[in-house]
Amino acid sequence: MQIHLIENENNFTKLRDKVWESGCWVIGEEEAKRLIGGNIFFHRKKTEPSFYGGSIRGYRVKEEEPLKGSIIFEFEYREDCRGVKADRLGWSLEKKIV
């Protein structure tokens, strides 16, 4: 599985070399579990290719407000996750899971 997300704030935190955390996303925990091992792609707009991304290594649930209960993905950056286009169909708000 893979997920495409609209990210306009560059909300990333570097954990160690090539390993990052994303910002907060409203997604179910079961869905987040299924995405582990898949790819994550960050886009500025639905119609633009991804500008960043990688392999999802895990996630955590945000335990404080704001956005308590949202998902934060841990991913390992991969160059081949840049420049990837997503079909315009199938987006739900600012995410698309395929």
PDB file of N, CA and C in Angstrom:
ATOM      1  N   MET A   1       0.840  -1.187   0.000  1.00  0.00           N
ATOM      2  CA  MET A   1       0.000   0.000   0.000  1.00  0.00           C
ATOM      3  C   MET A   1       0.879   1.242   0.000  1.00  0.00           C
ATOM      4  N   GLN A   2       0.323   2.295  -0.481  1.00  0.00           N
ATOM      5  CA  GLN A   2       1.027   3.579  -0.454  1.00  0.00           C
ATOM      6  C   GLN A   2       0.031   4.695  -0.186  1.00  0.00           C
ATOM      7  N   ILE A   3       0.565   5.799   0.315  1.00  0.00           N
ATOM      8  CA  ILE A   3      -0.278   6.942   0.630  1.00  0.00           C
ATOM      9  C   ILE A   3       0.332   8.195   0.022  1.00  0.00           C
ATOM     10  N   HIS A   4      -0.539   9.010  -0.566  1.00  0.00           N
ATOM     11  CA  HIS A   4      -0.164  10.317  -1.109  1.00  0.00           C
ATOM     12  C   HIS A   4      -0.831  11.363  -0.223  1.00  0.00           C
ATOM     13  N   LEU A   5      -0.066  12.366   0.192  1.00  0.00           N
ATOM     14  CA  LEU A   5      -0.570  13.393   1.097  1.00  0.00           C
ATOM     15  C   LEU A   5      -0.234  14.779   0.574  1.00  0.00           C
ATOM     16  N   ILE A   6      -1.120  15.730   0.816  1.00  0.00           N
ATOM     17  CA  ILE A   6      -0.851  17.129   0.487  1.00  0.00           C
ATOM     18  C   ILE A   6      -0.165  17.757   1.696  1.00  0.00           C
ATOM     19  N   GLU A   7       1.064  18.215   1.501  1.00  0.00           N
ATOM     20  CA  GLU A   7       1.865  18.818   2.576  1.00  0.00           C
ATOM     21  C   GLU A   7       2.361  20.178   2.103  1.00  0.00           C
ATOM     22  N   ASN A   8       1.811  21.232   2.685  1.00  0.00           N
ATOM     23  CA  ASN A   8       2.184  22.590   2.276  1.00  0.00           C
ATOM     24  C   ASN A   8       3.028  23.326   3.305  1.00  0.00           C
ATOM     25  N   GLU A   9       3.285  22.701   4.440  1.00  0.00           N
ATOM     26  CA  GLU A   9       3.979  23.401   5.517  1.00  0.00           C
ATOM     27  C   GLU A   9       5.382  22.870   5.796  1.00  0.00           C
ATOM     28  N   ASN A  10       5.842  21.885   5.002  1.00  0.00           N
ATOM     29  CA  ASN A  10       7.152  21.255   5.249  1.00  0.00           C
ATOM     30  C   ASN A  10       7.278  20.816   6.702  1.00  0.00           C
ATOM     31  N   ASN A  11       6.254  20.181   7.197  1.00  0.00           N
ATOM     32  CA  ASN A  11       6.208  19.756   8.592  1.00  0.00           C
ATOM     33  C   ASN A  11       6.860  18.379   8.737  1.00  0.00           C
ATOM     34  N   PHE A  12       8.191  18.366   8.735  1.00  0.00           N
ATOM     35  CA  PHE A  12       8.979  17.148   8.876  1.00  0.00           C
ATOM     36  C   PHE A  12       9.973  17.327  10.017  1.00  0.00           C
ATOM     37  N   THR A  13      10.253  16.238  10.722  1.00  0.00           N
ATOM     38  CA  THR A  13      11.245  16.248  11.792  1.00  0.00           C
ATOM     39  C   THR A  13      12.272  15.166  11.498  1.00  0.00           C
ATOM     40  N   LYS A  14      13.551  15.559  11.437  1.00  0.00           N
ATOM     41  CA  LYS A  14      14.610  14.581  11.189  1.00  0.00           C
ATOM     42  C   LYS A  14      14.910  13.833  12.478  1.00  0.00           C
ATOM     43  N   LEU A  15      14.852  12.488  12.421  1.00  0.00           N
ATOM     44  CA  LEU A  15      15.151  11.653  13.577  1.00  0.00           C
ATOM     45  C   LEU A  15      16.607  11.196  13.566  1.00  0.00           C
ATOM     46  N   ARG A  16      17.084  10.822  12.390  1.00  0.00           N
ATOM     47  CA  ARG A  16      18.480  10.417  12.167  1.00  0.00           C
ATOM     48  C   ARG A  16      18.706  10.406  10.664  1.00  0.00           C
ATOM     49  N   ASP A  17      19.875  10.022  10.225  1.00  0.00           N
ATOM     50  CA  ASP A  17      20.208  10.074   8.805  1.00  0.00           C
ATOM     51  C   ASP A  17      19.149   9.367   7.960  1.00  0.00           C
ATOM     52  N   LYS A  18      18.511  10.104   7.078  1.00  0.00           N
ATOM     53  CA  LYS A  18      17.493   9.631   6.133  1.00  0.00           C
ATOM     54  C   LYS A  18      16.183   9.181   6.779  1.00  0.00           C
ATOM     55  N   VAL A  19      16.039   9.293   8.094  1.00  0.00           N
ATOM     56  CA  VAL A  19      14.807   8.870   8.765  1.00  0.00           C
ATOM     57  C   VAL A  19      14.108  10.105   9.325  1.00  0.00           C
ATOM     58  N   TRP A  20      12.834  10.247   8.956  1.00  0.00           N
ATOM     59  CA  TRP A  20      12.057  11.442   9.273  1.00  0.00           C
ATOM     60  C   TRP A  20      10.708  11.074   9.865  1.00  0.00           C
ATOM     61  N   GLU A  21      10.092  12.057  10.530  1.00  0.00           N
ATOM     62  CA  GLU A  21       8.694  11.968  10.925  1.00  0.00           C
ATOM     63  C   GLU A  21       7.909  12.992  10.124  1.00  0.00           C
ATOM     64  N   SER A  22       6.705  12.592   9.747  1.00  0.00           N
ATOM     65  CA  SER A  22       5.807  13.509   9.042  1.00  0.00           C
ATOM     66  C   SER A  22       5.073  14.371  10.052  1.00  0.00           C
ATOM     67  N   GLY A  23       4.267  15.266   9.536  1.00  0.00           N
ATOM     68  CA  GLY A  23       3.344  16.006  10.388  1.00  0.00           C
ATOM     69  C   GLY A  23       2.208  15.087  10.808  1.00  0.00           C
ATOM     70  N   CYS A  24       1.137  15.664  11.312  1.00  0.00           N
ATOM     71  CA  CYS A  24      -0.010  14.909  11.835  1.00  0.00           C
ATOM     72  C   CYS A  24      -1.065  14.717  10.751  1.00  0.00           C
ATOM     73  N   TRP A  25      -1.618  13.507  10.709  1.00  0.00           N
ATOM     74  CA  TRP A  25      -2.616  13.181   9.695  1.00  0.00           C
ATOM     75  C   TRP A  25      -3.807  12.489  10.343  1.00  0.00           C
ATOM     76  N   VAL A  26      -4.998  12.869   9.918  1.00  0.00           N
ATOM     77  CA  VAL A  26      -6.222  12.244  10.416  1.00  0.00           C
ATOM     78  C   VAL A  26      -6.462  10.993   9.584  1.00  0.00           C
ATOM     79  N   ILE A  27      -6.103   9.879  10.166  1.00  0.00           N
ATOM     80  CA  ILE A  27      -6.211   8.575   9.505  1.00  0.00           C
ATOM     81  C   ILE A  27      -6.369   7.536  10.613  1.00  0.00           C
ATOM     82  N   GLY A  28      -7.112   6.493  10.348  1.00  0.00           N
ATOM     83  CA  GLY A  28      -7.322   5.463  11.358  1.00  0.00           C
ATOM     84  C   GLY A  28      -6.053   4.680  11.654  1.00  0.00           C
ATOM     85  N   GLU A  29      -5.943   4.220  12.885  1.00  0.00           N
ATOM     86  CA  GLU A  29      -4.742   3.477  13.277  1.00  0.00           C
ATOM     87  C   GLU A  29      -4.617   2.157  12.521  1.00  0.00           C
ATOM     88  N   GLU A  30      -5.721   1.483  12.260  1.00  0.00           N
ATOM     89  CA  GLU A  30      -5.666   0.229  11.492  1.00  0.00           C
ATOM     90  C   GLU A  30      -5.138   0.479  10.085  1.00  0.00           C
ATOM     91  N   GLU A  31      -5.573   1.575   9.493  1.00  0.00           N
ATOM     92  CA  GLU A  31      -5.085   1.927   8.164  1.00  0.00           C
ATOM     93  C   GLU A  31      -3.597   2.250   8.220  1.00  0.00           C
ATOM     94  N   ALA A  32      -3.170   2.958   9.252  1.00  0.00           N
ATOM     95  CA  ALA A  32      -1.751   3.284   9.422  1.00  0.00           C
ATOM     96  C   ALA A  32      -0.916   2.013   9.538  1.00  0.00           C
ATOM     97  N   LYS A  33      -1.412   1.027  10.273  1.00  0.00           N
ATOM     98  CA  LYS A  33      -0.694  -0.252  10.416  1.00  0.00           C
ATOM     99  C   LYS A  33      -0.501  -0.921   9.063  1.00  0.00           C
ATOM    100  N   ARG A  34      -1.545  -0.895   8.246  1.00  0.00           N
ATOM    101  CA  ARG A  34      -1.468  -1.533   6.924  1.00  0.00           C
ATOM    102  C   ARG A  34      -0.481  -0.834   5.996  1.00  0.00           C
ATOM    103  N   LEU A  35      -0.201   0.436   6.262  1.00  0.00           N
ATOM    104  CA  LEU A  35       0.710   1.195   5.404  1.00  0.00           C
ATOM    105  C   LEU A  35       2.184   0.941   5.717  1.00  0.00           C
ATOM    106  N   ILE A  36       2.491   0.347   6.867  1.00  0.00           N
ATOM    107  CA  ILE A  36       3.893   0.072   7.215  1.00  0.00           C
ATOM    108  C   ILE A  36       4.498  -0.840   6.155  1.00  0.00           C
ATOM    109  N   GLY A  37       5.661  -0.449   5.658  1.00  0.00           N
ATOM    110  CA  GLY A  37       6.330  -1.178   4.586  1.00  0.00           C
ATOM    111  C   GLY A  37       6.011  -0.625   3.208  1.00  0.00           C
ATOM    112  N   GLY A  38       4.968   0.193   3.120  1.00  0.00           N
ATOM    113  CA  GLY A  38       4.613   0.839   1.858  1.00  0.00           C
ATOM    114  C   GLY A  38       5.313   2.181   1.725  1.00  0.00           C
ATOM    115  N   ASN A  39       4.959   2.910   0.704  1.00  0.00           N
ATOM    116  CA  ASN A  39       5.586   4.210   0.452  1.00  0.00           C
ATOM    117  C   ASN A  39       4.660   5.359   0.825  1.00  0.00           C
ATOM    118  N   ILE A  40       5.288   6.476   1.160  1.00  0.00           N
ATOM    119  CA  ILE A  40       4.573   7.712   1.455  1.00  0.00           C
ATOM    120  C   ILE A  40       5.093   8.778   0.503  1.00  0.00           C
ATOM    121  N   PHE A  41       4.173   9.530  -0.095  1.00  0.00           N
ATOM    122  CA  PHE A  41       4.522  10.570  -1.064  1.00  0.00           C
ATOM    123  C   PHE A  41       3.890  11.883  -0.620  1.00  0.00           C
ATOM    124  N   PHE A  42       4.672  12.945  -0.618  1.00  0.00           N
ATOM    125  CA  PHE A  42       4.176  14.264  -0.231  1.00  0.00           C
ATOM    126  C   PHE A  42       4.107  15.160  -1.462  1.00  0.00           C
ATOM    127  N   HIS A  43       2.955  15.786  -1.649  1.00  0.00           N
ATOM    128  CA  HIS A  43       2.691  16.655  -2.792  1.00  0.00           C
ATOM    129  C   HIS A  43       2.304  18.043  -2.289  1.00  0.00           C
ATOM    130  N   ARG A  44       2.543  19.063  -3.114  1.00  0.00           N
ATOM    131  CA  ARG A  44       2.046  20.408  -2.803  1.00  0.00           C
ATOM    132  C   ARG A  44       0.586  20.542  -3.232  1.00  0.00           C
ATOM    133  N   LYS A  45       0.264  19.908  -4.366  1.00  0.00           N
ATOM    134  CA  LYS A  45      -1.098  19.905  -4.906  1.00  0.00           C
ATOM    135  C   LYS A  45      -1.382  18.519  -5.457  1.00  0.00           C
ATOM    136  N   LYS A  46      -2.657  18.180  -5.557  1.00  0.00           N
ATOM    137  CA  LYS A  46      -3.046  16.869  -6.080  1.00  0.00           C
ATOM    138  C   LYS A  46      -2.545  16.645  -7.499  1.00  0.00           C
ATOM    139  N   THR A  47      -2.423  17.723  -8.261  1.00  0.00           N
ATOM    140  CA  THR A  47      -2.041  17.612  -9.666  1.00  0.00           C
ATOM    141  C   THR A  47      -0.531  17.689  -9.886  1.00  0.00           C
ATOM    142  N   GLU A  48       0.241  17.899  -8.833  1.00  0.00           N
ATOM    143  CA  GLU A  48       1.698  18.015  -8.971  1.00  0.00           C
ATOM    144  C   GLU A  48       2.386  16.734  -8.510  1.00  0.00           C
ATOM    145  N   PRO A  49       3.555  16.417  -9.105  1.00  0.00           N
ATOM    146  CA  PRO A  49       4.308  15.247  -8.643  1.00  0.00           C
ATOM    147  C   PRO A  49       4.799  15.442  -7.206  1.00  0.00           C
ATOM    148  N   SER A  50       5.108  14.354  -6.553  1.00  0.00           N
ATOM    149  CA  SER A  50       5.592  14.417  -5.172  1.00  0.00           C
ATOM    150  C   SER A  50       6.933  15.148  -5.114  1.00  0.00           C
ATOM    151  N   PHE A  51       7.152  15.884  -4.024  1.00  0.00           N
ATOM    152  CA  PHE A  51       8.418  16.584  -3.829  1.00  0.00           C
ATOM    153  C   PHE A  51       9.284  15.872  -2.794  1.00  0.00           C
ATOM    154  N   TYR A  52       8.707  14.883  -2.091  1.00  0.00           N
ATOM    155  CA  TYR A  52       9.432  14.191  -1.033  1.00  0.00           C
ATOM    156  C   TYR A  52       8.705  12.892  -0.719  1.00  0.00           C
ATOM    157  N   GLY A  53       9.376  11.968  -0.055  1.00  0.00           N
ATOM    158  CA  GLY A  53       8.719  10.725   0.334  1.00  0.00           C
ATOM    159  C   GLY A  53       9.710   9.653   0.715  1.00  0.00           C
ATOM    160  N   GLY A  54       9.189   8.465   0.962  1.00  0.00           N
ATOM    161  CA  GLY A  54      10.049   7.358   1.359  1.00  0.00           C
ATOM    162  C   GLY A  54       9.242   6.137   1.753  1.00  0.00           C
ATOM    163  N   SER A  55       9.920   5.211   2.433  1.00  0.00           N
ATOM    164  CA  SER A  55       9.310   3.968   2.900  1.00  0.00           C
ATOM    165  C   SER A  55       8.825   4.145   4.333  1.00  0.00           C
ATOM    166  N   ILE A  56       7.594   3.775   4.578  1.00  0.00           N
ATOM    167  CA  ILE A  56       7.018   3.916   5.917  1.00  0.00           C
ATOM    168  C   ILE A  56       7.578   2.822   6.821  1.00  0.00           C
ATOM    169  N   ARG A  57       8.228   3.252   7.903  1.00  0.00           N
ATOM    170  CA  ARG A  57       8.838   2.328   8.870  1.00  0.00           C
ATOM    171  C   ARG A  57       7.935   2.090  10.074  1.00  0.00           C
ATOM    172  N   GLY A  58       7.043   3.021  10.335  1.00  0.00           N
ATOM    173  CA  GLY A  58       6.165   2.911  11.496  1.00  0.00           C
ATOM    174  C   GLY A  58       5.354   4.178  11.654  1.00  0.00           C
ATOM    175  N   TYR A  59       4.695   4.301  12.775  1.00  0.00           N
ATOM    176  CA  TYR A  59       3.879   5.480  13.055  1.00  0.00           C
ATOM    177  C   TYR A  59       3.724   5.593  14.564  1.00  0.00           C
ATOM    178  N   ARG A  60       3.233   6.732  14.996  1.00  0.00           N
ATOM    179  CA  ARG A  60       2.822   6.899  16.388  1.00  0.00           C
ATOM    180  C   ARG A  60       1.552   7.738  16.405  1.00  0.00           C
ATOM    181  N   VAL A  61       0.805   7.592  17.476  1.00  0.00           N
ATOM    182  CA  VAL A  61      -0.428   8.349  17.653  1.00  0.00           C
ATOM    183  C   VAL A  61      -0.105   9.564  18.512  1.00  0.00           C
ATOM    184  N   LYS A  62      -0.473  10.740  18.034  1.00  0.00           N
ATOM    185  CA  LYS A  62      -0.220  11.976  18.782  1.00  0.00           C
ATOM    186  C   LYS A  62      -1.081  11.965  20.043  1.00  0.00           C
ATOM    187  N   GLU A  63      -0.453  12.193  21.176  1.00  0.00           N
ATOM    188  CA  GLU A  63      -1.151  12.063  22.453  1.00  0.00           C
ATOM    189  C   GLU A  63      -1.569  13.385  23.076  1.00  0.00           C
ATOM    190  N   GLU A  64      -1.241  14.497  22.415  1.00  0.00           N
ATOM    191  CA  GLU A  64      -1.603  15.792  22.991  1.00  0.00           C
ATOM    192  C   GLU A  64      -2.303  16.649  21.939  1.00  0.00           C
ATOM    193  N   GLU A  65      -2.995  17.664  22.429  1.00  0.00           N
ATOM    194  CA  GLU A  65      -3.641  18.635  21.536  1.00  0.00           C
ATOM    195  C   GLU A  65      -2.584  19.611  21.029  1.00  0.00           C
ATOM    196  N   PRO A  66      -2.757  20.225  19.916  1.00  0.00           N
ATOM    197  CA  PRO A  66      -3.863  20.021  18.970  1.00  0.00           C
ATOM    198  C   PRO A  66      -3.682  18.719  18.182  1.00  0.00           C
ATOM    199  N   LEU A  67      -4.729  18.290  17.562  1.00  0.00           N
ATOM    200  CA  LEU A  67      -4.766  17.090  16.727  1.00  0.00           C
ATOM    201  C   LEU A  67      -4.480  15.802  17.489  1.00  0.00           C
ATOM    202  N   LYS A  68      -4.890  15.751  18.748  1.00  0.00           N
ATOM    203  CA  LYS A  68      -4.737  14.541  19.549  1.00  0.00           C
ATOM    204  C   LYS A  68      -5.400  13.370  18.828  1.00  0.00           C
ATOM    205  N   GLY A  69      -4.721  12.226  18.775  1.00  0.00           N
ATOM    206  CA  GLY A  69      -5.244  11.038  18.117  1.00  0.00           C
ATOM    207  C   GLY A  69      -4.864  10.920  16.654  1.00  0.00           C
ATOM    208  N   SER A  70      -4.232  11.947  16.099  1.00  0.00           N
ATOM    209  CA  SER A  70      -3.815  11.872  14.695  1.00  0.00           C
ATOM    210  C   SER A  70      -2.550  11.017  14.577  1.00  0.00           C
ATOM    211  N   ILE A  71      -2.217  10.651  13.356  1.00  0.00           N
ATOM    212  CA  ILE A  71      -1.100   9.750  13.076  1.00  0.00           C
ATOM    213  C   ILE A  71       0.108  10.543  12.580  1.00  0.00           C
ATOM    214  N   ILE A  72       1.278  10.189  13.108  1.00  0.00           N
ATOM    215  CA  ILE A  72       2.554  10.743  12.653  1.00  0.00           C
ATOM    216  C   ILE A  72       3.359   9.567  12.104  1.00  0.00           C
ATOM    217  N   PHE A  73       3.694   9.625  10.822  1.00  0.00           N
ATOM    218  CA  PHE A  73       4.435   8.537  10.189  1.00  0.00           C
ATOM    219  C   PHE A  73       5.935   8.719  10.349  1.00  0.00           C
ATOM    220  N   GLU A  74       6.635   7.605  10.569  1.00  0.00           N
ATOM    221  CA  GLU A  74       8.094   7.581  10.492  1.00  0.00           C
ATOM    222  C   GLU A  74       8.439   6.941   9.153  1.00  0.00           C
ATOM    223  N   PHE A  75       9.306   7.604   8.398  1.00  0.00           N
ATOM    224  CA  PHE A  75       9.653   7.070   7.084  1.00  0.00           C
ATOM    225  C   PHE A  75      11.129   7.285   6.785  1.00  0.00           C
ATOM    226  N   GLU A  76      11.653   6.421   5.927  1.00  0.00           N
ATOM    227  CA  GLU A  76      13.033   6.542   5.465  1.00  0.00           C
ATOM    228  C   GLU A  76      13.008   7.145   4.064  1.00  0.00           C
ATOM    229  N   TYR A  77      13.671   8.289   3.920  1.00  0.00           N
ATOM    230  CA  TYR A  77      13.682   9.003   2.643  1.00  0.00           C
ATOM    231  C   TYR A  77      14.201   8.106   1.530  1.00  0.00           C
ATOM    232  N   ARG A  78      13.544   8.195   0.366  1.00  0.00           N
ATOM    233  CA  ARG A  78      13.996   7.499  -0.845  1.00  0.00           C
ATOM    234  C   ARG A  78      13.880   8.460  -2.019  1.00  0.00           C
ATOM    235  N   GLU A  79      14.956   8.577  -2.740  1.00  0.00           N
ATOM    236  CA  GLU A  79      15.005   9.472  -3.905  1.00  0.00           C
ATOM    237  C   GLU A  79      13.927   9.115  -4.930  1.00  0.00           C
ATOM    238  N   ASP A  80      13.656   7.820  -5.114  1.00  0.00           N
ATOM    239  CA  ASP A  80      12.672   7.417  -6.126  1.00  0.00           C
ATOM    240  C   ASP A  80      11.226   7.728  -5.715  1.00  0.00           C
ATOM    241  N   CYS A  81      11.039   8.296  -4.545  1.00  0.00           N
ATOM    242  CA  CYS A  81       9.701   8.735  -4.120  1.00  0.00           C
ATOM    243  C   CYS A  81       9.474  10.210  -4.434  1.00  0.00           C
ATOM    244  N   ARG A  82      10.419  10.829  -5.124  1.00  0.00           N
ATOM    245  CA  ARG A  82      10.258  12.209  -5.595  1.00  0.00           C
ATOM    246  C   ARG A  82       9.834  12.169  -7.058  1.00  0.00           C
ATOM    247  N   GLY A  83       8.991  13.105  -7.444  1.00  0.00           N
ATOM    248  CA  GLY A  83       8.571  13.198  -8.839  1.00  0.00           C
ATOM    249  C   GLY A  83       7.511  12.190  -9.240  1.00  0.00           C
ATOM    250  N   VAL A  84       6.848  11.585  -8.270  1.00  0.00           N
ATOM    251  CA  VAL A  84       5.815  10.580  -8.545  1.00  0.00           C
ATOM    252  C   VAL A  84       4.457  11.273  -8.628  1.00  0.00           C
ATOM    253  N   LYS A  85       3.740  11.008  -9.711  1.00  0.00           N
ATOM    254  CA  LYS A  85       2.408  11.590  -9.884  1.00  0.00           C
ATOM    255  C   LYS A  85       1.351  10.629  -9.362  1.00  0.00           C
ATOM    256  N   ALA A  86       0.272  11.200  -8.850  1.00  0.00           N
ATOM    257  CA  ALA A  86      -0.880  10.412  -8.399  1.00  0.00           C
ATOM    258  C   ALA A  86      -2.060  10.756  -9.294  1.00  0.00           C
ATOM    259  N   ASP A  87      -2.826   9.757  -9.651  1.00  0.00           N
ATOM    260  CA  ASP A  87      -4.033   9.972 -10.439  1.00  0.00           C
ATOM    261  C   ASP A  87      -4.939  10.962  -9.702  1.00  0.00           C
ATOM    262  N   ARG A  88      -5.638  11.797 -10.445  1.00  0.00           N
ATOM    263  CA  ARG A  88      -6.518  12.804  -9.836  1.00  0.00           C
ATOM    264  C   ARG A  88      -7.705  12.173  -9.126  1.00  0.00           C
ATOM    265  N   LEU A  89      -8.060  10.953  -9.485  1.00  0.00           N
ATOM    266  CA  LEU A  89      -9.205  10.277  -8.873  1.00  0.00           C
ATOM    267  C   LEU A  89      -8.796   9.587  -7.573  1.00  0.00           C
ATOM    268  N   GLY A  90      -9.730   9.488  -6.649  1.00  0.00           N
ATOM    269  CA  GLY A  90      -9.507   8.722  -5.436  1.00  0.00           C
ATOM    270  C   GLY A  90      -9.005   9.499  -4.236  1.00  0.00           C
ATOM    271  N   TRP A  91      -8.834  10.812  -4.376  1.00  0.00           N
ATOM    272  CA  TRP A  91      -8.396  11.624  -3.241  1.00  0.00           C
ATOM    273  C   TRP A  91      -9.564  11.829  -2.287  1.00  0.00           C
ATOM    274  N   SER A  92      -9.274  11.802  -0.999  1.00  0.00           N
ATOM    275  CA  SER A  92     -10.243  12.131   0.039  1.00  0.00           C
ATOM    276  C   SER A  92      -9.622  13.231   0.878  1.00  0.00           C
ATOM    277  N   LEU A  93     -10.154  14.432   0.719  1.00  0.00           N
ATOM    278  CA  LEU A  93      -9.570  15.616   1.343  1.00  0.00           C
ATOM    279  C   LEU A  93      -8.118  15.757   0.893  1.00  0.00           C
ATOM    280  N   GLU A  94      -7.162  15.583   1.779  1.00  0.00           N
ATOM    281  CA  GLU A  94      -5.759  15.799   1.403  1.00  0.00           C
ATOM    282  C   GLU A  94      -4.959  14.508   1.416  1.00  0.00           C
ATOM    283  N   LYS A  95      -5.621  13.369   1.182  1.00  0.00           N
ATOM    284  CA  LYS A  95      -4.903  12.098   1.156  1.00  0.00           C
ATOM    285  C   LYS A  95      -5.511  11.150   0.130  1.00  0.00           C
ATOM    286  N   LYS A  96      -4.655  10.253  -0.327  1.00  0.00           N
ATOM    287  CA  LYS A  96      -5.085   9.217  -1.259  1.00  0.00           C
ATOM    288  C   LYS A  96      -4.312   7.951  -0.911  1.00  0.00           C
ATOM    289  N   ILE A  97      -5.023   6.871  -0.650  1.00  0.00           N
ATOM    290  CA  ILE A  97      -4.390   5.595  -0.319  1.00  0.00           C
ATOM    291  C   ILE A  97      -4.657   4.627  -1.460  1.00  0.00           C
ATOM    292  N   VAL A  98      -3.593   4.013  -1.946  1.00  0.00           N
ATOM    293  CA  VAL A  98      -3.721   3.040  -3.044  1.00  0.00           C
ATOM    294  C   VAL A  98      -2.957   1.776  -2.714  1.00  0.00           C
TER     295      VAL A  98
END
